[in-house]
């Protein structure tokens, strides 16, 4: 990435962690980013530049560890590029360890990663120390100003990169490991830095699409970025605990969120609140990223953020502000006010069901159970990995009284559906199943789902088979989960996420090859 300076279209601070520790005789972590929502904000240590039609965003689609990674998406010919840049205290001596993991969906597309100094991303002194680039289907590293070939990465496979950089010498060791493989794919020693300039300082790293050619349609994921000063311990064993958050994990997360008292659930995708690409860019321009992240977690967010959204004159932003004010009201027990704000948000949103689900939460908190049922039944239960509907459904059922009373309230109509006396998929049946999950009666939930799946109607049967598979995953009965998910694949065009659930089963079994093939079926064959 020679001497072009960064040209941001929209700059935002992501909610990531960066720590600087000054200890003379101990390893010094300069930056550590796991991309999970629990870590604190570092607005001066991590920034994103995005514009055109590309983006940089937290993603739960793939992750190496924790809950999410960062997705970088570039669009060829849009005149701009996405970039993620991390900053840390400048280092001019000693040894630096640079670690990150990446996963690409199409290895033929260009992308770049670099470790650089105060002169930015050039091959000048104090410029690029380490430069990794994907070009024409292969990885190369630029050393002594020369692009040198490494290997051809596979799609949908995590690779771990470890760079050990000696600043005074301006040289580095490079190791790249592939998931599921004991031997390193790359193991180079004593390589000159990007421009062969000893003594060059470093103070930043970057992940970017194709900033010069504007010819890349790359989509790639980055996780577990860390920078350590000299004396840093070697990284641990390569572990890939999973690509996505399972439905069962999200159900547990949202259940904990609603347990005890009604609260707002986090927004995990823009379409849940009816936002599109242009909306997101404008949203980050109007609201500081740390405030926006707090707001989207359902924690209300600061009042100035609400005011900025209300003053925007844009209906989707006003809806988001109303929802945030409703969340704040819900936290302090003003449920009537929360309901009014949620209803205003649902009316003002152009699409998405997130606000309507919260209308049901507030109605249940006010003991208006029949209205809550109607509000929830009006929202189509999408199945798949969206656990919000399931948890809100259970919450409404449980709000009627104690757990046994909640089951009794829905058991009879649900049983009639399961036994075939009713031909339509009723709300009571779905709520009965969800309450069983909340009560952790997973075997009973699976039995009920399988019984309901025997009713006429292929679409309903497929959805109930999927629910049976989800209950089996709660039980960690992988064989039964696979059986149910396979039965749910009768409509692959309408239910493509079932392949991802089968991929999860394969991953949990340790069958990475089957997992990869199933994910490629969903995301496209890229080999």
Protein backbone atom coordinates (compact mmCIF):
# COMPACT_ATOMS: atom_id res chain seq x y z
CA UNK A 1 0.00 0.00 0.00
CA UNK A 2 2.42 2.73 -1.10
CA UNK A 3 2.08 6.34 -0.15
CA UNK A 4 -1.64 7.02 -0.40
CA UNK A 5 -2.94 8.65 2.76
CA UNK A 6 -6.14 7.50 4.39
CA UNK A 7 -9.25 9.12 2.96
CA UNK A 8 -12.16 8.53 5.34
CA UNK A 9 -15.77 8.88 4.27
CA UNK A 10 -17.23 8.00 7.65
CA UNK A 11 -15.04 7.55 10.73
CA UNK A 12 -16.34 5.79 13.79
CA UNK A 13 -14.91 4.38 16.95
CA UNK A 14 -15.88 0.75 17.37
CA UNK A 15 -16.55 -0.68 20.78
CA UNK A 16 -13.33 -2.61 21.10
CA UNK A 17 -10.65 -2.89 23.77
CA UNK A 18 -7.16 -1.44 23.69
CA UNK A 19 -4.86 -1.27 26.70
CA UNK A 20 -1.43 0.22 27.15
CA UNK A 21 0.62 -1.10 30.10
CA UNK A 22 4.05 0.22 30.96
CA UNK A 23 5.86 -2.55 32.86
CA UNK A 24 9.62 -2.80 32.60
CA UNK A 25 10.03 -6.48 33.20
CA UNK A 26 6.73 -7.92 31.95
CA UNK A 27 5.08 -8.45 28.56
CA UNK A 28 3.30 -5.30 27.42
CA UNK A 29 -0.07 -5.69 25.69
CA UNK A 30 -0.34 -2.64 23.44
CA UNK A 31 -3.69 -3.58 21.91
CA UNK A 32 -6.07 -6.51 22.20
CA UNK A 33 -9.33 -6.77 20.25
CA UNK A 34 -11.78 -9.67 20.51
CA UNK A 35 -14.71 -7.77 18.90
CA UNK A 36 -17.25 -8.81 21.54
CA UNK A 37 -19.84 -6.51 23.06
CA UNK A 38 -18.64 -6.94 26.64
CA UNK A 39 -15.33 -5.08 26.17
CA UNK A 40 -14.89 -1.38 26.88
CA UNK A 41 -14.62 1.42 24.35
CA UNK A 42 -11.30 2.72 23.04
CA UNK A 43 -12.29 5.61 20.75
CA UNK A 44 -8.76 6.90 20.27
CA UNK A 45 -7.21 3.51 19.69
CA UNK A 46 -9.45 1.93 17.05
CA UNK A 47 -11.14 3.59 14.10
CA UNK A 48 -13.01 2.57 10.99
CA UNK A 49 -13.11 4.33 7.64
CA UNK A 50 -15.89 3.32 5.32
CA UNK A 51 -17.67 4.75 2.35
CA UNK A 52 -19.15 3.93 -1.01
CA UNK A 53 -21.12 0.72 -0.87
CA UNK A 54 -18.65 -1.22 1.27
CA UNK A 55 -18.61 -1.44 5.03
CA UNK A 56 -16.78 -2.49 8.16
CA UNK A 57 -19.09 -3.90 10.79
CA UNK A 58 -19.27 -6.33 13.71
CA UNK A 59 -20.59 -9.66 12.50
CA UNK A 60 -21.89 -12.85 14.06
CA UNK A 61 -21.75 -14.70 10.73
CA UNK A 62 -18.24 -16.01 11.45
CA UNK A 63 -16.05 -15.75 14.51
CA UNK A 64 -12.91 -17.40 15.72
CA UNK A 65 -13.58 -16.78 19.40
CA UNK A 66 -16.15 -15.04 21.51
CA UNK A 67 -19.38 -13.84 19.91
CA UNK A 68 -18.40 -11.94 16.80
CA UNK A 69 -15.69 -10.84 14.42
CA UNK A 70 -15.33 -7.87 12.08
CA UNK A 71 -16.60 -8.12 8.49
CA UNK A 72 -14.92 -6.00 5.80
CA UNK A 73 -16.86 -5.75 2.54
CA UNK A 74 -15.51 -3.87 -0.49
CA UNK A 75 -17.46 -3.16 -3.69
CA UNK A 76 -15.61 -2.83 -6.98
CA UNK A 77 -16.04 0.47 -8.81
CA UNK A 78 -17.77 2.39 -6.01
CA UNK A 79 -14.94 4.91 -5.67
CA UNK A 80 -14.15 4.12 -2.05
CA UNK A 81 -13.00 1.36 0.28
CA UNK A 82 -13.54 0.04 3.81
CA UNK A 83 -10.68 0.16 6.31
CA UNK A 84 -10.19 -0.82 9.93
CA UNK A 85 -7.22 0.89 11.61
CA UNK A 86 -5.94 0.24 15.12
CA UNK A 87 -3.53 2.53 16.96
CA UNK A 88 -1.18 1.83 19.85
CA UNK A 89 1.71 3.67 21.57
CA UNK A 90 4.62 4.21 19.18
CA UNK A 91 7.50 1.72 19.46
CA UNK A 92 11.01 2.28 18.09
CA UNK A 93 12.99 -0.44 19.83
CA UNK A 94 12.66 -3.97 21.12
CA UNK A 95 10.46 -6.69 19.67
CA UNK A 96 6.82 -6.52 18.69
CA UNK A 97 4.38 -9.41 18.29
CA UNK A 98 1.49 -8.83 15.86
CA UNK A 99 -1.27 -11.45 15.85
CA UNK A 100 -4.58 -11.74 14.00
CA UNK A 101 -6.84 -14.28 12.32
CA UNK A 102 -8.64 -13.95 9.00
CA UNK A 103 -11.25 -15.82 6.94
CA UNK A 104 -12.00 -15.03 3.28
CA UNK A 105 -15.10 -15.97 1.28
CA UNK A 106 -13.52 -15.59 -2.19
CA UNK A 107 -9.71 -15.87 -2.31
CA UNK A 108 -9.60 -14.33 -5.81
CA UNK A 109 -10.51 -10.88 -4.41
CA UNK A 110 -7.87 -8.40 -3.25
CA UNK A 111 -7.47 -7.31 0.38
CA UNK A 112 -4.62 -5.96 2.48
CA UNK A 113 -3.33 -6.08 6.05
CA UNK A 114 -0.41 -4.06 7.34
CA UNK A 115 1.61 -3.03 10.39
CA UNK A 116 2.94 0.51 9.96
CA UNK A 117 4.48 3.57 11.61
CA UNK A 118 4.01 7.35 11.82
CA UNK A 119 4.57 7.86 8.06
CA UNK A 120 1.51 5.76 7.35
CA UNK A 121 1.06 3.11 4.73
CA UNK A 122 4.02 3.81 2.51
CA UNK A 123 7.32 2.00 1.92
CA UNK A 124 9.29 4.94 3.35
CA UNK A 125 11.16 4.88 6.69
CA UNK A 126 8.64 4.80 9.58
CA UNK A 127 6.13 3.48 7.06
CA UNK A 128 5.06 -0.12 6.43
CA UNK A 129 6.79 -2.68 8.60
CA UNK A 130 4.72 -5.70 7.54
CA UNK A 131 2.39 -5.94 4.53
CA UNK A 132 0.22 -8.95 3.70
CA UNK A 133 -1.83 -8.82 0.51
CA UNK A 134 -4.21 -11.13 -1.35
CA UNK A 135 -3.79 -10.85 -5.12
CA UNK A 136 -4.87 -13.13 -7.94
CA UNK A 137 -5.90 -15.88 -5.55
CA UNK A 138 -2.65 -15.99 -3.56
CA UNK A 139 -1.28 -14.38 -0.43
CA UNK A 140 1.91 -12.38 -0.77
CA UNK A 141 3.99 -10.42 1.70
CA UNK A 142 5.87 -7.32 0.61
CA UNK A 143 9.44 -7.51 1.91
CA UNK A 144 12.32 -5.29 0.76
CA UNK A 145 9.76 -3.61 -1.55
CA UNK A 146 9.23 -6.92 -3.37
CA UNK A 147 5.92 -8.87 -3.37
CA UNK A 148 6.78 -12.47 -2.45
CA UNK A 149 4.31 -15.32 -2.88
CA UNK A 150 3.18 -17.38 0.08
CA UNK A 151 0.24 -19.72 -0.67
CA UNK A 152 -3.32 -19.87 -2.00
CA UNK A 153 -5.78 -19.61 0.93
CA UNK A 154 -8.97 -21.67 1.01
CA UNK A 155 -12.39 -20.04 1.33
CA UNK A 156 -14.26 -20.18 4.65
CA UNK A 157 -11.20 -21.34 6.58
CA UNK A 158 -9.63 -19.45 9.48
CA UNK A 159 -5.90 -18.68 9.28
CA UNK A 160 -3.86 -17.33 12.17
CA UNK A 161 -1.04 -14.88 11.41
CA UNK A 162 1.84 -14.27 13.85
CA UNK A 163 4.52 -11.68 13.13
CA UNK A 164 7.54 -11.26 15.41
CA UNK A 165 9.09 -7.91 14.45
CA UNK A 166 12.52 -6.66 15.61
CA UNK A 167 12.33 -2.89 15.33
CA UNK A 168 16.03 -1.93 15.47
CA UNK A 169 16.89 -4.45 12.74
CA UNK A 170 13.75 -3.80 10.72
CA UNK A 171 13.21 -7.54 10.23
CA UNK A 172 10.49 -10.02 11.10
CA UNK A 173 9.60 -13.70 11.43
CA UNK A 174 6.27 -14.73 9.90
CA UNK A 175 4.14 -17.76 10.78
CA UNK A 176 0.71 -18.55 9.32
CA UNK A 177 -1.32 -21.50 10.61
CA UNK A 178 -4.44 -23.06 9.14
CA UNK A 179 -7.26 -24.27 11.38
CA UNK A 180 -7.24 -28.02 11.89
CA UNK A 181 -3.65 -28.39 10.69
CA UNK A 182 -0.72 -28.99 13.04
CA UNK A 183 2.10 -27.74 10.80
CA UNK A 184 2.29 -24.09 9.83
CA UNK A 185 1.43 -23.16 6.26
CA UNK A 186 4.12 -20.46 6.34
CA UNK A 187 7.20 -20.30 8.56
CA UNK A 188 9.66 -17.60 7.43
CA UNK A 189 12.54 -16.15 9.39
CA UNK A 190 14.53 -12.91 9.25
CA UNK A 191 12.60 -11.10 6.53
CA UNK A 192 13.35 -7.40 5.75
CA UNK A 193 10.47 -5.07 6.53
CA UNK A 194 8.32 -3.54 3.78
CA UNK A 195 10.84 -0.98 2.53
CA UNK A 196 13.99 -2.55 4.10
CA UNK A 197 14.43 0.33 6.56
CA UNK A 198 16.04 -0.67 9.91
CA UNK A 199 14.89 1.28 12.96
CA UNK A 200 11.45 2.17 11.55
CA UNK A 201 8.84 2.87 14.22
CA UNK A 202 5.39 1.30 14.36
CA UNK A 203 2.19 2.66 15.88
CA UNK A 204 -0.75 1.26 13.90
CA UNK A 205 -2.17 -1.64 11.92
CA UNK A 206 -4.71 -1.75 9.13
CA UNK A 207 -7.14 -4.11 7.43
CA UNK A 208 -8.52 -2.81 4.14
CA UNK A 209 -10.05 -3.88 0.82
CA UNK A 210 -8.48 -2.62 -2.43
CA UNK A 211 -7.69 1.09 -1.83
CA UNK A 212 -5.82 1.71 -5.10
CA UNK A 213 -7.39 -0.44 -7.79
CA UNK A 214 -11.03 -0.17 -6.58
CA UNK A 215 -11.47 -3.55 -8.29
CA UNK A 216 -12.28 -5.83 -5.36
CA UNK A 217 -15.57 -7.35 -4.25
CA UNK A 218 -13.92 -8.92 -1.23
CA UNK A 219 -15.81 -10.02 1.88
CA UNK A 220 -13.48 -11.13 4.64
CA UNK A 221 -13.49 -11.47 8.41
CA UNK A 222 -10.89 -10.53 11.02
CA UNK A 223 -10.79 -11.67 14.62
CA UNK A 224 -8.52 -11.79 17.67
CA UNK A 225 -6.18 -8.92 16.80
CA UNK A 226 -3.39 -8.38 19.35
CA UNK A 227 -0.14 -6.44 19.55
CA UNK A 228 2.42 -7.19 22.28
CA UNK A 229 5.73 -5.56 23.10
CA UNK A 230 8.94 -7.54 23.64
CA UNK A 231 8.77 -10.52 25.94
CA UNK A 232 5.23 -11.39 24.93
CA UNK A 233 4.33 -15.06 25.50
CA UNK A 234 3.79 -17.27 22.45
CA UNK A 235 0.17 -17.64 21.35
CA UNK A 236 -1.77 -20.61 22.63
CA UNK A 237 -2.98 -23.58 20.61
CA UNK A 238 -5.08 -22.77 17.58
CA UNK A 239 -8.73 -23.19 18.51
CA UNK A 240 -11.81 -22.43 16.41
CA UNK A 241 -14.77 -22.83 18.77
CA UNK A 242 -17.40 -22.01 16.17
CA UNK A 243 -18.35 -19.77 13.28
CA UNK A 244 -21.67 -18.42 14.46
CA UNK A 245 -23.61 -18.00 17.62
CA UNK A 246 -25.96 -20.95 17.78
CA UNK A 247 -29.69 -20.43 18.21
CA UNK A 248 -29.40 -22.09 21.61
CA UNK A 249 -26.67 -19.63 22.64
CA UNK A 250 -28.73 -16.63 21.58
CA UNK A 251 -31.82 -18.00 23.32
CA UNK A 252 -29.87 -18.31 26.57
CA UNK A 253 -28.40 -14.81 26.15
CA UNK A 254 -31.79 -13.18 25.53
CA UNK A 255 -33.42 -15.24 28.28
CA UNK A 256 -30.90 -13.89 30.79
CA UNK A 257 -31.63 -10.41 29.48
CA UNK A 258 -35.37 -10.72 30.16
CA UNK A 259 -35.16 -12.77 33.34
CA UNK A 260 -36.23 -10.90 36.45
CA UNK A 261 -37.80 -7.86 34.80
CA UNK A 262 -38.72 -6.70 31.30
CA UNK A 263 -35.82 -5.14 29.41
CA UNK A 264 -34.95 -4.37 25.81
CA UNK A 265 -33.20 -6.95 23.65
CA UNK A 266 -30.17 -5.88 21.61
CA UNK A 267 -30.32 -5.09 17.90
CA UNK A 268 -28.07 -7.54 16.06
CA UNK A 269 -28.86 -6.67 12.44
CA UNK A 270 -29.83 -3.43 10.68
CA UNK A 271 -32.80 -5.02 8.95
CA UNK A 272 -34.40 -5.75 12.34
CA UNK A 273 -35.07 -2.01 12.66
CA UNK A 274 -35.54 -1.24 8.97
CA UNK A 275 -32.19 0.47 8.33
CA UNK A 276 -30.34 0.29 5.02
CA UNK A 277 -26.80 1.13 3.91
CA UNK A 278 -27.31 4.87 3.48
CA UNK A 279 -29.10 5.02 6.82
CA UNK A 280 -26.18 3.38 8.59
CA UNK A 281 -23.63 5.81 7.19
CA UNK A 282 -25.78 8.77 8.21
CA UNK A 283 -26.46 7.21 11.60
CA UNK A 284 -22.76 6.93 12.41
CA UNK A 285 -22.29 10.53 11.30
CA UNK A 286 -24.93 11.81 13.70
CA UNK A 287 -24.29 9.65 16.78
CA UNK A 288 -20.90 8.83 18.35
CA UNK A 289 -20.16 5.14 17.95
CA UNK A 290 -19.82 4.40 21.67
CA UNK A 291 -23.20 6.03 22.35
CA UNK A 292 -24.77 4.21 19.41
CA UNK A 293 -23.42 0.87 20.55
CA UNK A 294 -24.91 1.40 24.01
CA UNK A 295 -28.23 2.34 22.46
CA UNK A 296 -28.33 -0.70 20.13
CA UNK A 297 -27.58 -3.01 23.06
CA UNK A 298 -30.94 -1.96 24.48
CA UNK A 299 -29.34 0.03 27.31
CA UNK A 300 -31.14 3.25 26.31
CA UNK A 301 -28.00 5.24 25.49
CA UNK A 302 -27.30 8.88 26.40
CA UNK A 303 -30.02 11.51 26.02
CA UNK A 304 -28.04 13.62 23.48
CA UNK A 305 -28.06 10.62 21.15
CA UNK A 306 -31.86 10.46 21.39
CA UNK A 307 -32.12 14.17 20.65
CA UNK A 308 -29.82 13.89 17.63
CA UNK A 309 -31.96 11.11 16.21
CA UNK A 310 -35.24 12.94 16.86
CA UNK A 311 -33.89 16.08 15.17
CA UNK A 312 -32.80 14.21 12.04
CA UNK A 313 -36.12 14.50 10.24
CA UNK A 314 -35.70 10.88 9.12
CA UNK A 315 -38.48 8.50 10.13
CA UNK A 316 -36.20 5.46 10.75
CA UNK A 317 -34.01 7.54 13.09
CA UNK A 318 -36.99 8.94 14.95
CA UNK A 319 -38.28 5.39 15.38
CA UNK A 320 -34.92 4.34 16.81
CA UNK A 321 -35.01 7.28 19.24
CA UNK A 322 -38.53 6.36 20.37
CA UNK A 323 -37.44 2.78 20.98
CA UNK A 324 -34.41 3.96 22.98
CA UNK A 325 -36.63 6.22 25.10
CA UNK A 326 -38.96 3.25 25.60
CA UNK A 327 -36.02 1.15 26.77
CA UNK A 328 -35.07 3.83 29.28
CA UNK A 329 -38.67 3.98 30.54
CA UNK A 330 -38.81 0.20 30.84
CA UNK A 331 -35.63 0.18 32.95
CA UNK A 332 -37.12 2.61 35.48
CA UNK A 333 -40.47 0.83 35.61
CA UNK A 334 -42.50 3.35 33.58
CA UNK A 335 -44.07 0.59 31.48
CA UNK A 336 -47.04 2.66 30.19
CA UNK A 337 -44.62 5.23 28.75
CA UNK A 338 -42.43 2.47 27.36
CA UNK A 339 -45.42 0.96 25.56
CA UNK A 340 -46.31 4.30 23.96
CA UNK A 341 -42.74 4.79 22.74
CA UNK A 342 -42.51 1.24 21.38
CA UNK A 343 -45.81 1.71 19.52
CA UNK A 344 -44.53 4.98 18.03
CA UNK A 345 -41.31 3.24 16.98
CA UNK A 346 -43.21 0.37 15.35
CA UNK A 347 -45.39 2.82 13.44
CA UNK A 348 -42.42 4.88 12.25
CA UNK A 349 -40.19 2.03 11.12
CA UNK A 350 -40.23 1.26 7.41
CA UNK A 351 -39.52 -2.44 8.04
CA UNK A 352 -38.28 -4.89 10.66
CA UNK A 353 -40.01 -6.43 13.66
CA UNK A 354 -37.77 -5.40 16.56
CA UNK A 355 -39.99 -2.60 17.84
CA UNK A 356 -43.19 -4.65 17.53
CA UNK A 357 -41.66 -7.41 19.62
CA UNK A 358 -41.06 -4.86 22.36
CA UNK A 359 -44.70 -3.78 22.17
CA UNK A 360 -45.53 -7.38 23.14
CA UNK A 361 -43.01 -7.27 26.01
CA UNK A 362 -44.54 -4.08 27.42
CA UNK A 363 -48.12 -5.36 27.07
CA UNK A 364 -47.19 -8.55 28.95
CA UNK A 365 -45.53 -6.46 31.66
CA UNK A 366 -48.85 -4.60 32.03
CA UNK A 367 -50.76 -7.93 32.37
CA UNK A 368 -52.51 -7.27 29.03
CA UNK A 369 -51.82 -10.81 27.93
CA UNK A 370 -54.41 -11.22 25.18
CA UNK A 371 -53.15 -8.04 23.49
CA UNK A 372 -49.56 -9.20 23.91
CA UNK A 373 -50.47 -12.50 22.24
CA UNK A 374 -52.06 -10.64 19.32
CA UNK A 375 -49.07 -8.32 18.94
CA UNK A 376 -46.67 -11.24 18.96
CA UNK A 377 -48.79 -13.47 16.72
CA UNK A 378 -48.82 -10.67 14.12
CA UNK A 379 -45.04 -11.04 13.79
CA UNK A 380 -44.14 -14.06 11.72
CA UNK A 381 -41.90 -16.47 13.62
CA UNK A 382 -39.01 -16.63 11.14
CA UNK A 383 -37.28 -19.71 12.52
CA UNK A 384 -33.62 -19.81 11.66
CA UNK A 385 -31.15 -18.26 14.06
CA UNK A 386 -33.37 -15.39 15.22
CA UNK A 387 -34.02 -16.19 18.87
CA UNK A 388 -35.72 -12.87 19.69
CA UNK A 389 -39.19 -14.04 18.71
CA UNK A 390 -38.78 -17.29 20.64
CA UNK A 391 -37.66 -15.60 23.85
CA UNK A 392 -40.35 -12.90 23.72
CA UNK A 393 -42.95 -15.59 23.07
CA UNK A 394 -41.81 -17.47 26.17
CA UNK A 395 -41.66 -14.24 28.18
CA UNK A 396 -45.29 -13.45 27.33
CA UNK A 397 -46.35 -16.96 28.31
CA UNK A 398 -44.46 -16.81 31.59
CA UNK A 399 -45.75 -13.35 32.49
CA UNK A 400 -49.19 -14.84 33.09
CA UNK A 401 -48.05 -16.28 36.41
CA UNK A 402 -45.75 -18.93 37.78
CA UNK A 403 -44.12 -21.41 35.46
CA UNK A 404 -46.66 -24.18 35.94
CA UNK A 405 -49.52 -21.75 35.40
CA UNK A 406 -47.83 -20.49 32.25
CA UNK A 407 -47.70 -23.98 30.82
CA UNK A 408 -51.29 -24.70 31.82
CA UNK A 409 -52.45 -21.54 30.03
CA UNK A 410 -51.20 -22.75 26.66
CA UNK A 411 -51.05 -26.54 27.06
CA UNK A 412 -54.58 -27.45 25.96
CA UNK A 413 -54.76 -25.55 22.63
CA UNK A 414 -51.15 -26.48 21.94
CA UNK A 415 -51.89 -30.14 22.53
CA UNK A 416 -54.82 -30.01 20.12
CA UNK A 417 -52.50 -28.68 17.43
CA UNK A 418 -49.87 -31.33 18.12
CA UNK A 419 -52.42 -34.14 18.06
CA UNK A 420 -53.81 -33.04 14.71
CA UNK A 421 -57.18 -31.71 15.89
CA UNK A 422 -56.26 -28.30 14.43
CA UNK A 423 -54.87 -27.90 10.94
CA UNK A 424 -53.29 -24.45 11.28
CA UNK A 425 -50.04 -23.59 13.00
CA UNK A 426 -51.42 -21.72 16.02
CA UNK A 427 -49.70 -19.20 18.18
CA UNK A 428 -50.51 -21.24 21.28
CA UNK A 429 -48.53 -24.20 19.96
CA UNK A 430 -45.47 -22.08 19.29
CA UNK A 431 -45.69 -20.39 22.67
CA UNK A 432 -46.04 -23.75 24.42
CA UNK A 433 -42.85 -24.96 22.78
CA UNK A 434 -40.98 -21.77 23.68
CA UNK A 435 -42.07 -21.93 27.31
CA UNK A 436 -40.75 -25.50 27.48
CA UNK A 437 -37.38 -24.21 26.23
CA UNK A 438 -37.40 -21.45 28.86
CA UNK A 439 -38.12 -24.04 31.54
CA UNK A 440 -35.18 -26.08 30.17
CA UNK A 441 -37.50 -29.01 29.51
CA UNK A 442 -35.65 -29.70 26.29
CA UNK A 443 -36.64 -33.35 25.86
CA UNK A 444 -40.32 -32.44 26.24
CA UNK A 445 -39.88 -29.59 23.76
CA UNK A 446 -38.30 -31.94 21.23
CA UNK A 447 -41.04 -34.55 21.66
CA UNK A 448 -43.71 -31.91 21.20
CA UNK A 449 -42.02 -30.45 18.11
CA UNK A 450 -41.70 -33.88 16.51
CA UNK A 451 -45.34 -34.63 17.22
CA UNK A 452 -46.40 -31.31 15.70
CA UNK A 453 -44.25 -32.02 12.64
CA UNK A 454 -46.44 -35.00 11.76
CA UNK A 455 -49.40 -32.74 10.99
CA UNK A 456 -50.30 -32.03 7.33
CA UNK A 457 -48.59 -29.08 5.67
CA UNK A 458 -44.99 -29.28 4.45
CA UNK A 459 -44.01 -25.74 5.44
CA UNK A 460 -45.29 -26.13 9.00
CA UNK A 461 -43.73 -29.58 9.26
CA UNK A 462 -40.35 -28.24 8.16
CA UNK A 463 -40.46 -25.51 10.78
CA UNK A 464 -41.37 -27.98 13.53
CA UNK A 465 -38.59 -30.34 12.45
CA UNK A 466 -36.20 -27.41 12.76
CA UNK A 467 -37.52 -26.67 16.24
CA UNK A 468 -36.96 -30.31 17.14
CA UNK A 469 -33.37 -29.96 15.98
CA UNK A 470 -32.91 -26.85 18.10
CA UNK A 471 -34.18 -28.70 21.18
CA UNK A 472 -31.73 -31.51 20.41
CA UNK A 473 -28.90 -28.98 20.27
CA UNK A 474 -29.90 -27.78 23.73
CA UNK A 475 -29.53 -31.42 24.77
CA UNK A 476 -26.26 -31.69 22.76
CA UNK A 477 -27.77 -34.74 21.04
CA UNK A 478 -26.01 -34.12 17.73
CA UNK A 479 -27.37 -37.22 15.99
CA UNK A 480 -30.97 -36.27 16.74
CA UNK A 481 -30.30 -32.64 15.77
CA UNK A 482 -28.92 -33.74 12.41
CA UNK A 483 -31.92 -36.01 11.83
CA UNK A 484 -34.39 -33.20 12.46
CA UNK A 485 -32.48 -30.60 10.46
CA UNK A 486 -32.28 -32.96 7.48
CA UNK A 487 -36.05 -33.41 7.70
CA UNK A 488 -36.41 -29.61 7.74
CA UNK A 489 -34.58 -29.23 4.41
CA UNK A 490 -37.67 -29.97 2.32
CA UNK A 491 -37.73 -26.33 1.23
CA UNK A 492 -34.04 -25.44 0.80
CA UNK A 493 -34.80 -22.37 -1.34
CA UNK A 494 -36.98 -20.83 1.39
CA UNK A 495 -35.04 -22.15 4.37
CA UNK A 496 -31.34 -21.82 3.44
CA UNK A 497 -30.22 -21.34 7.05
CA UNK A 498 -30.93 -25.01 7.79
CA UNK A 499 -27.68 -25.85 5.98
CA UNK A 500 -25.90 -23.56 8.44
CA UNK A 501 -27.44 -25.43 11.36
CA UNK A 502 -26.27 -28.70 9.83
CA UNK A 503 -22.85 -27.09 9.49
CA UNK A 504 -22.95 -26.25 13.20
CA UNK A 505 -23.65 -29.92 13.97
CA UNK A 506 -20.72 -30.96 11.77
CA UNK A 507 -18.45 -28.47 13.50
CA UNK A 508 -19.45 -29.61 16.96
CA UNK A 509 -18.58 -33.14 15.85
CA UNK A 510 -15.18 -31.97 14.64
CA UNK A 511 -16.02 -32.70 10.99
CA UNK A 512 -14.55 -29.49 9.52
CA UNK A 513 -14.69 -30.69 5.91
CA UNK A 514 -18.44 -31.33 6.01
CA UNK A 515 -18.90 -28.07 7.86
CA UNK A 516 -17.04 -26.16 5.14
CA UNK A 517 -19.04 -27.81 2.34
CA UNK A 518 -22.34 -26.98 4.02
CA UNK A 519 -21.33 -23.35 4.56
CA UNK A 520 -20.26 -23.04 0.94
CA UNK A 521 -23.68 -24.36 -0.07
CA UNK A 522 -25.21 -21.44 1.80
CA UNK A 523 -22.71 -18.69 0.93
CA UNK A 524 -21.79 -19.96 -2.55
CA UNK A 525 -19.20 -22.38 -3.92
CA UNK A 526 -15.99 -20.43 -4.20
CA UNK A 527 -13.39 -23.03 -5.03
